[in-house]
Amino acid sequence: MTLQLHRPDGQGSLVPTRPPGKDHGEDWRKGLRSSRWRVAPLRNTEMNPTSTVAAVAFWAALAGVTFVLLLWGYGSHFWH
């Protein structure tokens, strides 16, 4: 039994309740916020997406550096 699904009834016992936001289509973040804390809603709270061009350039550069490092290592007989 958790307070997530059971709330105090004011008379010393717990009564089962439905989770907030499941039936009414409410934002689940409303249940986490304090009523005294008023902030602007964030557009994307999970992450700021990276552009596709920047992501492809990063992985291509990483692959190129790795390849050059391997060529140098084996070409100079650093790794036998």
PDB file of N, CA and C in Angstrom:
ATOM      1  N   MET A   1       0.844  -1.166   0.000  1.00  0.00           N
ATOM      2  CA  MET A   1       0.000   0.000   0.000  1.00  0.00           C
ATOM      3  C   MET A   1       0.893   1.235   0.000  1.00  0.00           C
ATOM      4  N   THR A   2       0.663   2.124  -0.947  1.00  0.00           N
ATOM      5  CA  THR A   2       1.461   3.332  -1.047  1.00  0.00           C
ATOM      6  C   THR A   2       0.557   4.548  -1.006  1.00  0.00           C
ATOM      7  N   LEU A   3       1.145   5.685  -0.704  1.00  0.00           N
ATOM      8  CA  LEU A   3       0.372   6.923  -0.735  1.00  0.00           C
ATOM      9  C   LEU A   3       0.097   7.375  -2.162  1.00  0.00           C
ATOM     10  N   GLN A   4       0.735   6.711  -3.122  1.00  0.00           N
ATOM     11  CA  GLN A   4       0.465   7.045  -4.510  1.00  0.00           C
ATOM     12  C   GLN A   4      -0.968   6.649  -4.881  1.00  0.00           C
ATOM     13  N   LEU A   5      -1.454   5.535  -4.333  1.00  0.00           N
ATOM     14  CA  LEU A   5      -2.801   5.067  -4.662  1.00  0.00           C
ATOM     15  C   LEU A   5      -3.759   5.141  -3.488  1.00  0.00           C
ATOM     16  N   HIS A   6      -3.270   5.504  -2.306  1.00  0.00           N
ATOM     17  CA  HIS A   6      -4.107   5.602  -1.126  1.00  0.00           C
ATOM     18  C   HIS A   6      -3.855   6.946  -0.451  1.00  0.00           C
ATOM     19  N   ARG A   7      -4.916   7.662  -0.141  1.00  0.00           N
ATOM     20  CA  ARG A   7      -4.808   8.983   0.480  1.00  0.00           C
ATOM     21  C   ARG A   7      -5.467   8.958   1.853  1.00  0.00           C
ATOM     22  N   PRO A   8      -4.932   9.792   2.784  1.00  0.00           N
ATOM     23  CA  PRO A   8      -5.580   9.887   4.090  1.00  0.00           C
ATOM     24  C   PRO A   8      -6.993  10.461   3.950  1.00  0.00           C
ATOM     25  N   ASP A   9      -7.923   9.944   4.751  1.00  0.00           N
ATOM     26  CA  ASP A   9      -9.302  10.437   4.678  1.00  0.00           C
ATOM     27  C   ASP A   9      -9.619  11.486   5.741  1.00  0.00           C
ATOM     28  N   GLY A  10      -8.618  11.847   6.552  1.00  0.00           N
ATOM     29  CA  GLY A  10      -8.840  12.860   7.572  1.00  0.00           C
ATOM     30  C   GLY A  10      -9.328  12.294   8.886  1.00  0.00           C
ATOM     31  N   GLN A  11      -9.595  10.997   8.953  1.00  0.00           N
ATOM     32  CA  GLN A  11     -10.082  10.372  10.176  1.00  0.00           C
ATOM     33  C   GLN A  11      -9.131   9.265  10.642  1.00  0.00           C
ATOM     34  N   GLY A  12      -7.901   9.281  10.150  1.00  0.00           N
ATOM     35  CA  GLY A  12      -6.914   8.339  10.617  1.00  0.00           C
ATOM     36  C   GLY A  12      -6.748   7.084   9.794  1.00  0.00           C
ATOM     37  N   SER A  13      -7.412   6.957   8.678  1.00  0.00           N
ATOM     38  CA  SER A  13      -7.234   5.776   7.836  1.00  0.00           C
ATOM     39  C   SER A  13      -6.951   6.209   6.402  1.00  0.00           C
ATOM     40  N   LEU A  14      -6.622   5.226   5.581  1.00  0.00           N
ATOM     41  CA  LEU A  14      -6.327   5.488   4.180  1.00  0.00           C
ATOM     42  C   LEU A  14      -7.445   4.943   3.309  1.00  0.00           C
ATOM     43  N   VAL A  15      -7.769   5.687   2.270  1.00  0.00           N
ATOM     44  CA  VAL A  15      -8.798   5.249   1.327  1.00  0.00           C
ATOM     45  C   VAL A  15      -8.167   5.172  -0.061  1.00  0.00           C
ATOM     46  N   PRO A  16      -8.544   4.166  -0.850  1.00  0.00           N
ATOM     47  CA  PRO A  16      -7.988   4.075  -2.205  1.00  0.00           C
ATOM     48  C   PRO A  16      -8.498   5.213  -3.088  1.00  0.00           C
ATOM     49  N   THR A  17      -7.616   5.752  -3.898  1.00  0.00           N
ATOM     50  CA  THR A  17      -7.992   6.805  -4.848  1.00  0.00           C
ATOM     51  C   THR A  17      -7.403   6.459  -6.197  1.00  0.00           C
ATOM     52  N   ARG A  18      -7.925   7.072  -7.225  1.00  0.00           N
ATOM     53  CA  ARG A  18      -7.406   6.870  -8.573  1.00  0.00           C
ATOM     54  C   ARG A  18      -6.202   7.782  -8.789  1.00  0.00           C
ATOM     55  N   PRO A  19      -5.241   7.341  -9.548  1.00  0.00           N
ATOM     56  CA  PRO A  19      -4.088   8.201  -9.833  1.00  0.00           C
ATOM     57  C   PRO A  19      -4.539   9.467 -10.559  1.00  0.00           C
ATOM     58  N   PRO A  20      -3.971  10.623 -10.214  1.00  0.00           N
ATOM     59  CA  PRO A  20      -4.383  11.860 -10.879  1.00  0.00           C
ATOM     60  C   PRO A  20      -3.946  11.876 -12.333  1.00  0.00           C
ATOM     61  N   GLY A  21      -4.800  12.435 -13.174  1.00  0.00           N
ATOM     62  CA  GLY A  21      -4.463  12.603 -14.571  1.00  0.00           C
ATOM     63  C   GLY A  21      -4.750  11.414 -15.456  1.00  0.00           C
ATOM     64  N   LYS A  22      -5.141  10.287 -14.913  1.00  0.00           N
ATOM     65  CA  LYS A  22      -5.388   9.116 -15.747  1.00  0.00           C
ATOM     66  C   LYS A  22      -6.716   9.219 -16.494  1.00  0.00           C
ATOM     67  N   ASP A  23      -7.713   9.819 -15.865  1.00  0.00           N
ATOM     68  CA  ASP A  23      -9.034   9.872 -16.479  1.00  0.00           C
ATOM     69  C   ASP A  23      -9.307  11.195 -17.197  1.00  0.00           C
ATOM     70  N   HIS A  24      -8.703  12.258 -16.712  1.00  0.00           N
ATOM     71  CA  HIS A  24      -9.081  13.580 -17.191  1.00  0.00           C
ATOM     72  C   HIS A  24      -8.161  14.123 -18.265  1.00  0.00           C
ATOM     73  N   GLY A  25      -7.125  13.383 -18.619  1.00  0.00           N
ATOM     74  CA  GLY A  25      -6.195  13.855 -19.620  1.00  0.00           C
ATOM     75  C   GLY A  25      -5.315  14.986 -19.108  1.00  0.00           C
ATOM     76  N   GLU A  26      -5.147  15.081 -17.796  1.00  0.00           N
ATOM     77  CA  GLU A  26      -4.346  16.147 -17.218  1.00  0.00           C
ATOM     78  C   GLU A  26      -2.859  15.874 -17.447  1.00  0.00           C
ATOM     79  N   ASP A  27      -2.089  16.924 -17.325  1.00  0.00           N
ATOM     80  CA  ASP A  27      -0.647  16.799 -17.412  1.00  0.00           C
ATOM     81  C   ASP A  27      -0.150  16.202 -16.105  1.00  0.00           C
ATOM     82  N   TRP A  28       0.633  15.123 -16.155  1.00  0.00           N
ATOM     83  CA  TRP A  28       1.095  14.452 -14.942  1.00  0.00           C
ATOM     84  C   TRP A  28       2.036  15.330 -14.136  1.00  0.00           C
ATOM     85  N   ARG A  29       2.631  16.342 -14.771  1.00  0.00           N
ATOM     86  CA  ARG A  29       3.536  17.224 -14.044  1.00  0.00           C
ATOM     87  C   ARG A  29       2.793  18.099 -13.037  1.00  0.00           C
ATOM     88  N   LYS A  30       1.507  18.315 -13.243  1.00  0.00           N
ATOM     89  CA  LYS A  30       0.735  19.145 -12.309  1.00  0.00           C
ATOM     90  C   LYS A  30       0.710  18.538 -10.918  1.00  0.00           C
ATOM     91  N   GLY A  31       0.702  17.217 -10.845  1.00  0.00           N
ATOM     92  CA  GLY A  31       0.693  16.563  -9.546  1.00  0.00           C
ATOM     93  C   GLY A  31       2.025  16.664  -8.822  1.00  0.00           C
ATOM     94  N   LEU A  32       3.080  16.969  -9.539  1.00  0.00           N
ATOM     95  CA  LEU A  32       4.402  17.068  -8.937  1.00  0.00           C
ATOM     96  C   LEU A  32       4.733  18.490  -8.496  1.00  0.00           C
ATOM     97  N   ARG A  33       4.058  19.466  -9.060  1.00  0.00           N
ATOM     98  CA  ARG A  33       4.361  20.859  -8.781  1.00  0.00           C
ATOM     99  C   ARG A  33       3.698  21.352  -7.517  1.00  0.00           C
ATOM    100  N   SER A  34       4.401  22.203  -6.819  1.00  0.00           N
ATOM    101  CA  SER A  34       3.831  22.877  -5.658  1.00  0.00           C
ATOM    102  C   SER A  34       2.904  23.983  -6.164  1.00  0.00           C
ATOM    103  N   SER A  35       1.845  24.237  -5.434  1.00  0.00           N
ATOM    104  CA  SER A  35       0.909  25.290  -5.848  1.00  0.00           C
ATOM    105  C   SER A  35       1.520  26.675  -5.672  1.00  0.00           C
ATOM    106  N   ARG A  36       2.584  26.773  -4.885  1.00  0.00           N
ATOM    107  CA  ARG A  36       3.219  28.070  -4.664  1.00  0.00           C
ATOM    108  C   ARG A  36       4.278  28.379  -5.710  1.00  0.00           C
ATOM    109  N   TRP A  37       4.646  27.416  -6.502  1.00  0.00           N
ATOM    110  CA  TRP A  37       5.727  27.591  -7.455  1.00  0.00           C
ATOM    111  C   TRP A  37       5.152  27.716  -8.853  1.00  0.00           C
ATOM    112  N   ARG A  38       5.113  28.916  -9.371  1.00  0.00           N
ATOM    113  CA  ARG A  38       4.544  29.172 -10.698  1.00  0.00           C
ATOM    114  C   ARG A  38       5.674  29.392 -11.689  1.00  0.00           C
ATOM    115  N   VAL A  39       5.860  28.459 -12.585  1.00  0.00           N
ATOM    116  CA  VAL A  39       6.878  28.591 -13.616  1.00  0.00           C
ATOM    117  C   VAL A  39       6.231  28.431 -14.977  1.00  0.00           C
ATOM    118  N   ALA A  40       6.899  28.961 -15.967  1.00  0.00           N
ATOM    119  CA  ALA A  40       6.397  28.824 -17.327  1.00  0.00           C
ATOM    120  C   ALA A  40       6.568  27.380 -17.784  1.00  0.00           C
ATOM    121  N   PRO A  41       5.611  26.825 -18.498  1.00  0.00           N
ATOM    122  CA  PRO A  41       5.763  25.453 -18.998  1.00  0.00           C
ATOM    123  C   PRO A  41       6.900  25.378 -20.014  1.00  0.00           C
ATOM    124  N   LEU A  42       7.672  24.318 -19.915  1.00  0.00           N
ATOM    125  CA  LEU A  42       8.783  24.132 -20.840  1.00  0.00           C
ATOM    126  C   LEU A  42       8.305  23.419 -22.093  1.00  0.00           C
ATOM    127  N   ARG A  43       8.893  23.774 -23.202  1.00  0.00           N
ATOM    128  CA  ARG A  43       8.495  23.171 -24.469  1.00  0.00           C
ATOM    129  C   ARG A  43       8.903  21.709 -24.524  1.00  0.00           C
ATOM    130  N   ASN A  44      10.130  21.428 -24.148  1.00  0.00           N
ATOM    131  CA  ASN A  44      10.626  20.051 -24.170  1.00  0.00           C
ATOM    132  C   ASN A  44      11.487  19.864 -22.925  1.00  0.00           C
ATOM    133  N   THR A  45      10.985  19.162 -21.939  1.00  0.00           N
ATOM    134  CA  THR A  45      11.696  19.025 -20.681  1.00  0.00           C
ATOM    135  C   THR A  45      12.750  17.927 -20.716  1.00  0.00           C
ATOM    136  N   GLU A  46      12.730  17.083 -21.709  1.00  0.00           N
ATOM    137  CA  GLU A  46      13.646  15.958 -21.756  1.00  0.00           C
ATOM    138  C   GLU A  46      15.011  16.336 -22.323  1.00  0.00           C
ATOM    139  N   MET A  47      15.034  17.080 -23.415  1.00  0.00           N
ATOM    140  CA  MET A  47      16.308  17.373 -24.066  1.00  0.00           C
ATOM    141  C   MET A  47      16.150  18.487 -25.079  1.00  0.00           C
ATOM    142  N   ASN A  48      17.256  19.024 -25.495  1.00  0.00           N
ATOM    143  CA  ASN A  48      17.289  19.937 -26.636  1.00  0.00           C
ATOM    144  C   ASN A  48      17.844  19.140 -27.805  1.00  0.00           C
ATOM    145  N   PRO A  49      17.035  18.873 -28.822  1.00  0.00           N
ATOM    146  CA  PRO A  49      17.477  17.991 -29.897  1.00  0.00           C
ATOM    147  C   PRO A  49      18.642  18.588 -30.694  1.00  0.00           C
ATOM    148  N   THR A  50      19.552  17.724 -31.087  1.00  0.00           N
ATOM    149  CA  THR A  50      20.694  18.115 -31.906  1.00  0.00           C
ATOM    150  C   THR A  50      20.296  18.016 -33.371  1.00  0.00           C
ATOM    151  N   SER A  51      20.769  18.939 -34.158  1.00  0.00           N
ATOM    152  CA  SER A  51      20.425  18.890 -35.582  1.00  0.00           C
ATOM    153  C   SER A  51      21.041  17.635 -36.213  1.00  0.00           C
ATOM    154  N   THR A  52      20.423  17.156 -37.249  1.00  0.00           N
ATOM    155  CA  THR A  52      20.880  15.943 -37.920  1.00  0.00           C
ATOM    156  C   THR A  52      22.260  16.139 -38.532  1.00  0.00           C
ATOM    157  N   VAL A  53      22.494  17.307 -39.105  1.00  0.00           N
ATOM    158  CA  VAL A  53      23.784  17.583 -39.737  1.00  0.00           C
ATOM    159  C   VAL A  53      24.904  17.552 -38.695  1.00  0.00           C
ATOM    160  N   ALA A  54      24.669  18.152 -37.529  1.00  0.00           N
ATOM    161  CA  ALA A  54      25.681  18.173 -36.470  1.00  0.00           C
ATOM    162  C   ALA A  54      25.944  16.767 -35.939  1.00  0.00           C
ATOM    163  N   ALA A  55      24.909  15.962 -35.797  1.00  0.00           N
ATOM    164  CA  ALA A  55      25.075  14.596 -35.290  1.00  0.00           C
ATOM    165  C   ALA A  55      25.863  13.742 -36.282  1.00  0.00           C
ATOM    166  N   VAL A  56      25.537  13.832 -37.562  1.00  0.00           N
ATOM    167  CA  VAL A  56      26.248  13.056 -38.579  1.00  0.00           C
ATOM    168  C   VAL A  56      27.699  13.521 -38.671  1.00  0.00           C
ATOM    169  N   ALA A  57      27.935  14.829 -38.587  1.00  0.00           N
ATOM    170  CA  ALA A  57      29.302  15.348 -38.644  1.00  0.00           C
ATOM    171  C   ALA A  57      30.125  14.866 -37.452  1.00  0.00           C
ATOM    172  N   PHE A  58      29.522  14.830 -36.270  1.00  0.00           N
ATOM    173  CA  PHE A  58      30.231  14.363 -35.086  1.00  0.00           C
ATOM    174  C   PHE A  58      30.658  12.908 -35.236  1.00  0.00           C
ATOM    175  N   TRP A  59      29.724  12.044 -35.634  1.00  0.00           N
ATOM    176  CA  TRP A  59      30.050  10.619 -35.744  1.00  0.00           C
ATOM    177  C   TRP A  59      31.020  10.350 -36.894  1.00  0.00           C
ATOM    178  N   ALA A  60      30.914  11.101 -37.987  1.00  0.00           N
ATOM    179  CA  ALA A  60      31.857  10.938 -39.099  1.00  0.00           C
ATOM    180  C   ALA A  60      33.259  11.380 -38.667  1.00  0.00           C
ATOM    181  N   ALA A  61      33.352  12.478 -37.932  1.00  0.00           N
ATOM    182  CA  ALA A  61      34.653  12.947 -37.448  1.00  0.00           C
ATOM    183  C   ALA A  61      35.246  11.952 -36.457  1.00  0.00           C
ATOM    184  N   LEU A  62      34.431  11.409 -35.571  1.00  0.00           N
ATOM    185  CA  LEU A  62      34.912  10.416 -34.618  1.00  0.00           C
ATOM    186  C   LEU A  62      35.408   9.157 -35.333  1.00  0.00           C
ATOM    187  N   ALA A  63      34.678   8.722 -36.338  1.00  0.00           N
ATOM    188  CA  ALA A  63      35.108   7.548 -37.108  1.00  0.00           C
ATOM    189  C   ALA A  63      36.406   7.849 -37.855  1.00  0.00           C
ATOM    190  N   GLY A  64      36.526   9.046 -38.428  1.00  0.00           N
ATOM    191  CA  GLY A  64      37.747   9.417 -39.147  1.00  0.00           C
ATOM    192  C   GLY A  64      38.955   9.473 -38.230  1.00  0.00           C
ATOM    193  N   VAL A  65      38.802  10.066 -37.061  1.00  0.00           N
ATOM    194  CA  VAL A  65      39.917  10.136 -36.104  1.00  0.00           C
ATOM    195  C   VAL A  65      40.318   8.738 -35.656  1.00  0.00           C
ATOM    196  N   THR A  66      39.343   7.883 -35.403  1.00  0.00           N
ATOM    197  CA  THR A  66      39.638   6.508 -34.991  1.00  0.00           C
ATOM    198  C   THR A  66      40.396   5.766 -36.096  1.00  0.00           C
ATOM    199  N   PHE A  67      39.948   5.930 -37.322  1.00  0.00           N
ATOM    200  CA  PHE A  67      40.604   5.263 -38.448  1.00  0.00           C
ATOM    201  C   PHE A  67      42.039   5.742 -38.616  1.00  0.00           C
ATOM    202  N   VAL A  68      42.243   7.062 -38.534  1.00  0.00           N
ATOM    203  CA  VAL A  68      43.592   7.616 -38.665  1.00  0.00           C
ATOM    204  C   VAL A  68      44.472   7.137 -37.521  1.00  0.00           C
ATOM    205  N   LEU A  69      43.951   7.066 -36.311  1.00  0.00           N
ATOM    206  CA  LEU A  69      44.716   6.577 -35.168  1.00  0.00           C
ATOM    207  C   LEU A  69      45.121   5.116 -35.361  1.00  0.00           C
ATOM    208  N   LEU A  70      44.219   4.300 -35.874  1.00  0.00           N
ATOM    209  CA  LEU A  70      44.551   2.897 -36.145  1.00  0.00           C
ATOM    210  C   LEU A  70      45.595   2.770 -37.246  1.00  0.00           C
ATOM    211  N   LEU A  71      45.440   3.560 -38.305  1.00  0.00           N
ATOM    212  CA  LEU A  71      46.439   3.524 -39.380  1.00  0.00           C
ATOM    213  C   LEU A  71      47.810   3.934 -38.863  1.00  0.00           C
ATOM    214  N   TRP A  72      47.887   4.983 -38.091  1.00  0.00           N
ATOM    215  CA  TRP A  72      49.152   5.436 -37.535  1.00  0.00           C
ATOM    216  C   TRP A  72      49.742   4.384 -36.589  1.00  0.00           C
ATOM    217  N   GLY A  73      48.912   3.808 -35.728  1.00  0.00           N
ATOM    218  CA  GLY A  73      49.384   2.832 -34.761  1.00  0.00           C
ATOM    219  C   GLY A  73      49.959   1.587 -35.407  1.00  0.00           C
ATOM    220  N   TYR A  74      49.263   1.063 -36.416  1.00  0.00           N
ATOM    221  CA  TYR A  74      49.754  -0.137 -37.092  1.00  0.00           C
ATOM    222  C   TYR A  74      50.860   0.204 -38.093  1.00  0.00           C
ATOM    223  N   GLY A  75      50.784   1.369 -38.719  1.00  0.00           N
ATOM    224  CA  GLY A  75      51.808   1.749 -39.686  1.00  0.00           C
ATOM    225  C   GLY A  75      53.131   2.043 -39.043  1.00  0.00           C
ATOM    226  N   SER A  76      53.150   2.564 -37.833  1.00  0.00           N
ATOM    227  CA  SER A  76      54.408   2.872 -37.155  1.00  0.00           C
ATOM    228  C   SER A  76      54.892   1.712 -36.288  1.00  0.00           C
ATOM    229  N   HIS A  77      54.198   0.597 -36.364  1.00  0.00           N
ATOM    230  CA  HIS A  77      54.496  -0.600 -35.580  1.00  0.00           C
ATOM    231  C   HIS A  77      54.392  -0.362 -34.080  1.00  0.00           C
ATOM    232  N   PHE A  78      53.579   0.615 -33.716  1.00  0.00           N
ATOM    233  CA  PHE A  78      53.311   0.853 -32.294  1.00  0.00           C
ATOM    234  C   PHE A  78      52.572  -0.348 -31.712  1.00  0.00           C
ATOM    235  N   TRP A  79      51.587  -0.850 -32.490  1.00  0.00           N
ATOM    236  CA  TRP A  79      50.919  -2.104 -32.138  1.00  0.00           C
ATOM    237  C   TRP A  79      51.463  -3.165 -33.092  1.00  0.00           C
ATOM    238  N   HIS A  80      51.865  -4.270 -32.596  1.00  0.00           N
ATOM    239  CA  HIS A  80      52.483  -5.300 -33.445  1.00  0.00           C
ATOM    240  C   HIS A  80      51.417  -6.100 -34.149  1.00  0.00           C
TER     241      HIS A  80
END
